[in-house]
Amino acid sequence: EAKGFGRQKGHTELYRGAEYVVDF
């Protein structure tokens, strides 16, 4: 199992009203 990013560059998610960036 791995985590990473390339051109995809992650995405933004909303959790309990707070927005955060998921990089990997």
PDB file of all heavy atoms in Angstrom:
ATOM      1  N   GLU A   1       0.867  -1.180   0.000  1.00  0.00           N
ATOM      2  CA  GLU A   1       0.000   0.000   0.000  1.00  0.00           C
ATOM      3  C   GLU A   1       0.895   1.219   0.000  1.00  0.00           C
ATOM      4  O   GLU A   1       1.902   1.269   0.715  1.00  0.00           O
ATOM      5  CB  GLU A   1      -0.901   0.002   1.234  1.00  0.00           C
ATOM      6  CG  GLU A   1      -1.960  -1.073   1.183  1.00  0.00           C
ATOM      7  CD  GLU A   1      -2.905  -1.015   2.375  1.00  0.00           C
ATOM      8  OE1 GLU A   1      -2.963   0.022   3.057  1.00  0.00           O
ATOM      9  OE2 GLU A   1      -3.573  -2.026   2.612  1.00  0.00           O
ATOM     10  N   ALA A   2       0.534   2.207  -0.801  1.00  0.00           N
ATOM     11  CA  ALA A   2       1.363   3.400  -0.922  1.00  0.00           C
ATOM     12  C   ALA A   2       0.475   4.633  -0.998  1.00  0.00           C
ATOM     13  O   ALA A   2      -0.734   4.537  -1.202  1.00  0.00           O
ATOM     14  CB  ALA A   2       2.239   3.303  -2.176  1.00  0.00           C
ATOM     15  N   LYS A   3       1.093   5.785  -0.828  1.00  0.00           N
ATOM     16  CA  LYS A   3       0.406   7.064  -1.025  1.00  0.00           C
ATOM     17  C   LYS A   3       1.313   7.928  -1.871  1.00  0.00           C
ATOM     18  O   LYS A   3       2.528   7.865  -1.745  1.00  0.00           O
ATOM     19  CB  LYS A   3       0.135   7.755   0.307  1.00  0.00           C
ATOM     20  CG  LYS A   3      -0.905   7.043   1.137  1.00  0.00           C
ATOM     21  CD  LYS A   3      -1.192   7.818   2.386  1.00  0.00           C
ATOM     22  CE  LYS A   3      -2.197   7.050   3.211  1.00  0.00           C
ATOM     23  NZ  LYS A   3      -3.310   7.844   3.596  1.00  0.00           N
ATOM     24  N   GLY A   4       0.717   8.714  -2.738  1.00  0.00           N
ATOM     25  CA  GLY A   4       1.536   9.584  -3.565  1.00  0.00           C
ATOM     26  C   GLY A   4       0.686  10.450  -4.456  1.00  0.00           C
ATOM     27  O   GLY A   4      -0.539  10.383  -4.445  1.00  0.00           O
ATOM     28  N   PHE A   5       1.373  11.292  -5.225  1.00  0.00           N
ATOM     29  CA  PHE A   5       0.686  12.106  -6.214  1.00  0.00           C
ATOM     30  C   PHE A   5       1.653  12.471  -7.314  1.00  0.00           C
ATOM     31  O   PHE A   5       2.862  12.467  -7.123  1.00  0.00           O
ATOM     32  CB  PHE A   5       0.063  13.363  -5.597  1.00  0.00           C
ATOM     33  CG  PHE A   5       1.070  14.390  -5.153  1.00  0.00           C
ATOM     34  CD1 PHE A   5       1.504  15.380  -6.019  1.00  0.00           C
ATOM     35  CD2 PHE A   5       1.588  14.364  -3.871  1.00  0.00           C
ATOM     36  CE1 PHE A   5       2.429  16.327  -5.610  1.00  0.00           C
ATOM     37  CE2 PHE A   5       2.507  15.287  -3.445  1.00  0.00           C
ATOM     38  CZ  PHE A   5       2.937  16.282  -4.322  1.00  0.00           C
ATOM     39  N   GLY A   6       1.110  12.746  -8.463  1.00  0.00           N
ATOM     40  CA  GLY A   6       1.886  13.217  -9.602  1.00  0.00           C
ATOM     41  C   GLY A   6       1.126  14.388 -10.180  1.00  0.00           C
ATOM     42  O   GLY A   6       0.869  15.370  -9.503  1.00  0.00           O
ATOM     43  N   ARG A   7       0.693  14.243 -11.405  1.00  0.00           N
ATOM     44  CA  ARG A   7      -0.102  15.289 -12.033  1.00  0.00           C
ATOM     45  C   ARG A   7      -1.458  15.449 -11.379  1.00  0.00           C
ATOM     46  O   ARG A   7      -2.083  16.480 -11.482  1.00  0.00           O
ATOM     47  CB  ARG A   7      -0.284  14.974 -13.517  1.00  0.00           C
ATOM     48  CG  ARG A   7       0.998  15.121 -14.275  1.00  0.00           C
ATOM     49  CD  ARG A   7       0.742  14.970 -15.748  1.00  0.00           C
ATOM     50  NE  ARG A   7       1.998  15.024 -16.464  1.00  0.00           N
ATOM     51  CZ  ARG A   7       2.202  14.483 -17.635  1.00  0.00           C
ATOM     52  NH1 ARG A   7       1.228  13.834 -18.223  1.00  0.00           N
ATOM     53  NH2 ARG A   7       3.360  14.586 -18.222  1.00  0.00           N
ATOM     54  N   GLN A   8      -1.906  14.400 -10.686  1.00  0.00           N
ATOM     55  CA  GLN A   8      -3.204  14.420 -10.022  1.00  0.00           C
ATOM     56  C   GLN A   8      -3.259  15.496  -8.937  1.00  0.00           C
ATOM     57  O   GLN A   8      -4.268  16.125  -8.731  1.00  0.00           O
ATOM     58  CB  GLN A   8      -3.446  13.051  -9.385  1.00  0.00           C
ATOM     59  CG  GLN A   8      -4.786  12.484  -9.648  1.00  0.00           C
ATOM     60  CD  GLN A   8      -4.861  11.046  -9.139  1.00  0.00           C
ATOM     61  OE1 GLN A   8      -3.862  10.393  -8.892  1.00  0.00           O
ATOM     62  NE2 GLN A   8      -6.050  10.560  -9.000  1.00  0.00           N
ATOM     63  N   LYS A   9      -2.178  15.651  -8.211  1.00  0.00           N
ATOM     64  CA  LYS A   9      -1.979  16.677  -7.189  1.00  0.00           C
ATOM     65  C   LYS A   9      -2.999  16.697  -6.068  1.00  0.00           C
ATOM     66  O   LYS A   9      -3.198  17.693  -5.426  1.00  0.00           O
ATOM     67  CB  LYS A   9      -1.927  18.060  -7.842  1.00  0.00           C
ATOM     68  CG  LYS A   9      -0.731  18.204  -8.743  1.00  0.00           C
ATOM     69  CD  LYS A   9      -0.586  19.620  -9.232  1.00  0.00           C
ATOM     70  CE  LYS A   9       0.624  19.699 -10.106  1.00  0.00           C
ATOM     71  NZ  LYS A   9       0.454  20.427 -11.303  1.00  0.00           N
ATOM     72  N   GLY A  10      -3.666  15.619  -5.818  1.00  0.00           N
ATOM     73  CA  GLY A  10      -4.590  15.555  -4.699  1.00  0.00           C
ATOM     74  C   GLY A  10      -5.890  16.294  -4.966  1.00  0.00           C
ATOM     75  O   GLY A  10      -6.189  16.690  -6.083  1.00  0.00           O
ATOM     76  N   HIS A  11      -6.663  16.488  -3.904  1.00  0.00           N
ATOM     77  CA  HIS A  11      -7.940  17.176  -4.031  1.00  0.00           C
ATOM     78  C   HIS A  11      -8.344  17.754  -2.674  1.00  0.00           C
ATOM     79  O   HIS A  11      -7.713  17.488  -1.656  1.00  0.00           O
ATOM     80  CB  HIS A  11      -9.014  16.211  -4.546  1.00  0.00           C
ATOM     81  CG  HIS A  11      -9.234  15.030  -3.665  1.00  0.00           C
ATOM     82  ND1 HIS A  11      -8.450  13.898  -3.716  1.00  0.00           N
ATOM     83  CD2 HIS A  11     -10.132  14.807  -2.676  1.00  0.00           C
ATOM     84  CE1 HIS A  11      -8.867  13.029  -2.815  1.00  0.00           C
ATOM     85  NE2 HIS A  11      -9.878  13.555  -2.164  1.00  0.00           N
ATOM     86  N   THR A  12      -9.403  18.562  -2.682  1.00  0.00           N
ATOM     87  CA  THR A  12      -9.902  19.176  -1.468  1.00  0.00           C
ATOM     88  C   THR A  12     -11.107  18.407  -0.962  1.00  0.00           C
ATOM     89  O   THR A  12     -11.957  18.003  -1.744  1.00  0.00           O
ATOM     90  CB  THR A  12     -10.311  20.636  -1.752  1.00  0.00           C
ATOM     91  OG1 THR A  12      -9.209  21.306  -2.347  1.00  0.00           O
ATOM     92  CG2 THR A  12     -10.682  21.358  -0.483  1.00  0.00           C
ATOM     93  N   GLU A  13     -11.176  18.193   0.348  1.00  0.00           N
ATOM     94  CA  GLU A  13     -12.318  17.513   0.954  1.00  0.00           C
ATOM     95  C   GLU A  13     -12.882  18.351   2.080  1.00  0.00           C
ATOM     96  O   GLU A  13     -12.188  19.185   2.659  1.00  0.00           O
ATOM     97  CB  GLU A  13     -11.900  16.139   1.494  1.00  0.00           C
ATOM     98  CG  GLU A  13     -11.653  15.126   0.424  1.00  0.00           C
ATOM     99  CD  GLU A  13     -11.473  13.717   0.974  1.00  0.00           C
ATOM    100  OE1 GLU A  13     -11.636  13.513   2.199  1.00  0.00           O
ATOM    101  OE2 GLU A  13     -11.158  12.827   0.175  1.00  0.00           O
ATOM    102  N   LEU A  14     -14.139  18.096   2.373  1.00  0.00           N
ATOM    103  CA  LEU A  14     -14.821  18.783   3.460  1.00  0.00           C
ATOM    104  C   LEU A  14     -15.053  17.774   4.588  1.00  0.00           C
ATOM    105  O   LEU A  14     -15.600  16.697   4.357  1.00  0.00           O
ATOM    106  CB  LEU A  14     -16.165  19.314   2.945  1.00  0.00           C
ATOM    107  CG  LEU A  14     -16.843  20.387   3.769  1.00  0.00           C
ATOM    108  CD1 LEU A  14     -15.967  21.632   3.853  1.00  0.00           C
ATOM    109  CD2 LEU A  14     -18.177  20.745   3.133  1.00  0.00           C
ATOM    110  N   TYR A  15     -14.590  18.093   5.801  1.00  0.00           N
ATOM    111  CA  TYR A  15     -14.761  17.197   6.934  1.00  0.00           C
ATOM    112  C   TYR A  15     -15.217  18.013   8.129  1.00  0.00           C
ATOM    113  O   TYR A  15     -14.513  18.910   8.584  1.00  0.00           O
ATOM    114  CB  TYR A  15     -13.444  16.474   7.242  1.00  0.00           C
ATOM    115  CG  TYR A  15     -13.530  15.535   8.409  1.00  0.00           C
ATOM    116  CD1 TYR A  15     -14.231  14.342   8.308  1.00  0.00           C
ATOM    117  CD2 TYR A  15     -12.924  15.840   9.625  1.00  0.00           C
ATOM    118  CE1 TYR A  15     -14.324  13.469   9.376  1.00  0.00           C
ATOM    119  CE2 TYR A  15     -13.004  14.983  10.698  1.00  0.00           C
ATOM    120  CZ  TYR A  15     -13.711  13.798  10.571  1.00  0.00           C
ATOM    121  OH  TYR A  15     -13.801  12.933  11.628  1.00  0.00           O
ATOM    122  N   ARG A  16     -16.412  17.731   8.626  1.00  0.00           N
ATOM    123  CA  ARG A  16     -16.997  18.445   9.764  1.00  0.00           C
ATOM    124  C   ARG A  16     -16.957  19.948   9.569  1.00  0.00           C
ATOM    125  O   ARG A  16     -16.587  20.709  10.471  1.00  0.00           O
ATOM    126  CB  ARG A  16     -16.307  18.049  11.059  1.00  0.00           C
ATOM    127  CG  ARG A  16     -16.538  16.607  11.433  1.00  0.00           C
ATOM    128  CD  ARG A  16     -16.028  16.317  12.812  1.00  0.00           C
ATOM    129  NE  ARG A  16     -16.316  14.929  13.150  1.00  0.00           N
ATOM    130  CZ  ARG A  16     -16.066  14.396  14.307  1.00  0.00           C
ATOM    131  NH1 ARG A  16     -15.510  15.109  15.262  1.00  0.00           N
ATOM    132  NH2 ARG A  16     -16.363  13.136  14.542  1.00  0.00           N
ATOM    133  N   GLY A  17     -17.288  20.361   8.377  1.00  0.00           N
ATOM    134  CA  GLY A  17     -17.369  21.784   8.074  1.00  0.00           C
ATOM    135  C   GLY A  17     -16.058  22.454   7.742  1.00  0.00           C
ATOM    136  O   GLY A  17     -16.027  23.617   7.358  1.00  0.00           O
ATOM    137  N   ALA A  18     -14.955  21.739   7.881  1.00  0.00           N
ATOM    138  CA  ALA A  18     -13.644  22.324   7.570  1.00  0.00           C
ATOM    139  C   ALA A  18     -13.129  21.735   6.262  1.00  0.00           C
ATOM    140  O   ALA A  18     -13.261  20.544   6.006  1.00  0.00           O
ATOM    141  CB  ALA A  18     -12.658  22.036   8.696  1.00  0.00           C
ATOM    142  N   GLU A  19     -12.563  22.589   5.461  1.00  0.00           N
ATOM    143  CA  GLU A  19     -12.017  22.157   4.181  1.00  0.00           C
ATOM    144  C   GLU A  19     -10.521  21.883   4.346  1.00  0.00           C
ATOM    145  O   GLU A  19      -9.811  22.657   4.978  1.00  0.00           O
ATOM    146  CB  GLU A  19     -12.233  23.269   3.146  1.00  0.00           C
ATOM    147  CG  GLU A  19     -12.059  22.831   1.725  1.00  0.00           C
ATOM    148  CD  GLU A  19     -12.425  23.937   0.753  1.00  0.00           C
ATOM    149  OE1 GLU A  19     -13.610  24.046   0.408  1.00  0.00           O
ATOM    150  OE2 GLU A  19     -11.510  24.670   0.354  1.00  0.00           O
ATOM    151  N   TYR A  20     -10.067  20.754   3.805  1.00  0.00           N
ATOM    152  CA  TYR A  20      -8.636  20.476   3.865  1.00  0.00           C
ATOM    153  C   TYR A  20      -8.185  19.795   2.583  1.00  0.00           C
ATOM    154  O   TYR A  20      -8.975  19.217   1.860  1.00  0.00           O
ATOM    155  CB  TYR A  20      -8.280  19.640   5.099  1.00  0.00           C
ATOM    156  CG  TYR A  20      -8.834  18.240   5.103  1.00  0.00           C
ATOM    157  CD1 TYR A  20      -8.048  17.167   4.728  1.00  0.00           C
ATOM    158  CD2 TYR A  20     -10.152  17.992   5.478  1.00  0.00           C
ATOM    159  CE1 TYR A  20      -8.546  15.876   4.726  1.00  0.00           C
ATOM    160  CE2 TYR A  20     -10.663  16.702   5.479  1.00  0.00           C
ATOM    161  CZ  TYR A  20      -9.863  15.653   5.111  1.00  0.00           C
ATOM    162  OH  TYR A  20     -10.364  14.386   5.098  1.00  0.00           O
ATOM    163  N   VAL A  21      -6.900  19.892   2.304  1.00  0.00           N
ATOM    164  CA  VAL A  21      -6.331  19.354   1.075  1.00  0.00           C
ATOM    165  C   VAL A  21      -5.757  17.966   1.338  1.00  0.00           C
ATOM    166  O   VAL A  21      -5.004  17.770   2.293  1.00  0.00           O
ATOM    167  CB  VAL A  21      -5.220  20.274   0.524  1.00  0.00           C
ATOM    168  CG1 VAL A  21      -4.571  19.674  -0.713  1.00  0.00           C
ATOM    169  CG2 VAL A  21      -5.783  21.648   0.219  1.00  0.00           C
ATOM    170  N   VAL A  22      -6.135  17.010   0.507  1.00  0.00           N
ATOM    171  CA  VAL A  22      -5.573  15.664   0.567  1.00  0.00           C
ATOM    172  C   VAL A  22      -4.494  15.611  -0.510  1.00  0.00           C
ATOM    173  O   VAL A  22      -4.786  15.496  -1.690  1.00  0.00           O
ATOM    174  CB  VAL A  22      -6.661  14.594   0.309  1.00  0.00           C
ATOM    175  CG1 VAL A  22      -6.041  13.204   0.318  1.00  0.00           C
ATOM    176  CG2 VAL A  22      -7.767  14.704   1.333  1.00  0.00           C
ATOM    177  N   ASP A  23      -3.232  15.767  -0.085  1.00  0.00           N
ATOM    178  CA  ASP A  23      -2.115  15.788  -1.036  1.00  0.00           C
ATOM    179  C   ASP A  23      -1.777  14.399  -1.554  1.00  0.00           C
ATOM    180  O   ASP A  23      -1.540  14.213  -2.735  1.00  0.00           O
ATOM    181  CB  ASP A  23      -0.859  16.370  -0.383  1.00  0.00           C
ATOM    182  CG  ASP A  23      -0.951  17.863  -0.188  1.00  0.00           C
ATOM    183  OD1 ASP A  23      -1.749  18.502  -0.887  1.00  0.00           O
ATOM    184  OD2 ASP A  23      -0.221  18.391   0.671  1.00  0.00           O
ATOM    185  N   PHE A  24      -1.682  13.446  -0.649  1.00  0.00           N
ATOM    186  CA  PHE A  24      -1.256  12.109  -1.024  1.00  0.00           C
ATOM    187  C   PHE A  24      -2.465  11.208  -1.193  1.00  0.00           C
ATOM    188  O   PHE A  24      -3.248  11.022  -0.269  1.00  0.00           O
ATOM    189  CB  PHE A  24      -0.299  11.531   0.028  1.00  0.00           C
ATOM    190  CG  PHE A  24       0.992  12.287   0.095  1.00  0.00           C
ATOM    191  CD1 PHE A  24       1.225  13.201   1.111  1.00  0.00           C
ATOM    192  CD2 PHE A  24       1.969  12.092  -0.862  1.00  0.00           C
ATOM    193  CE1 PHE A  24       2.416  13.902   1.163  1.00  0.00           C
ATOM    194  CE2 PHE A  24       3.158  12.785  -0.820  1.00  0.00           C
ATOM    195  CZ  PHE A  24       3.382  13.695   0.197  1.00  0.00           C
TER     196      PHE A  24
END
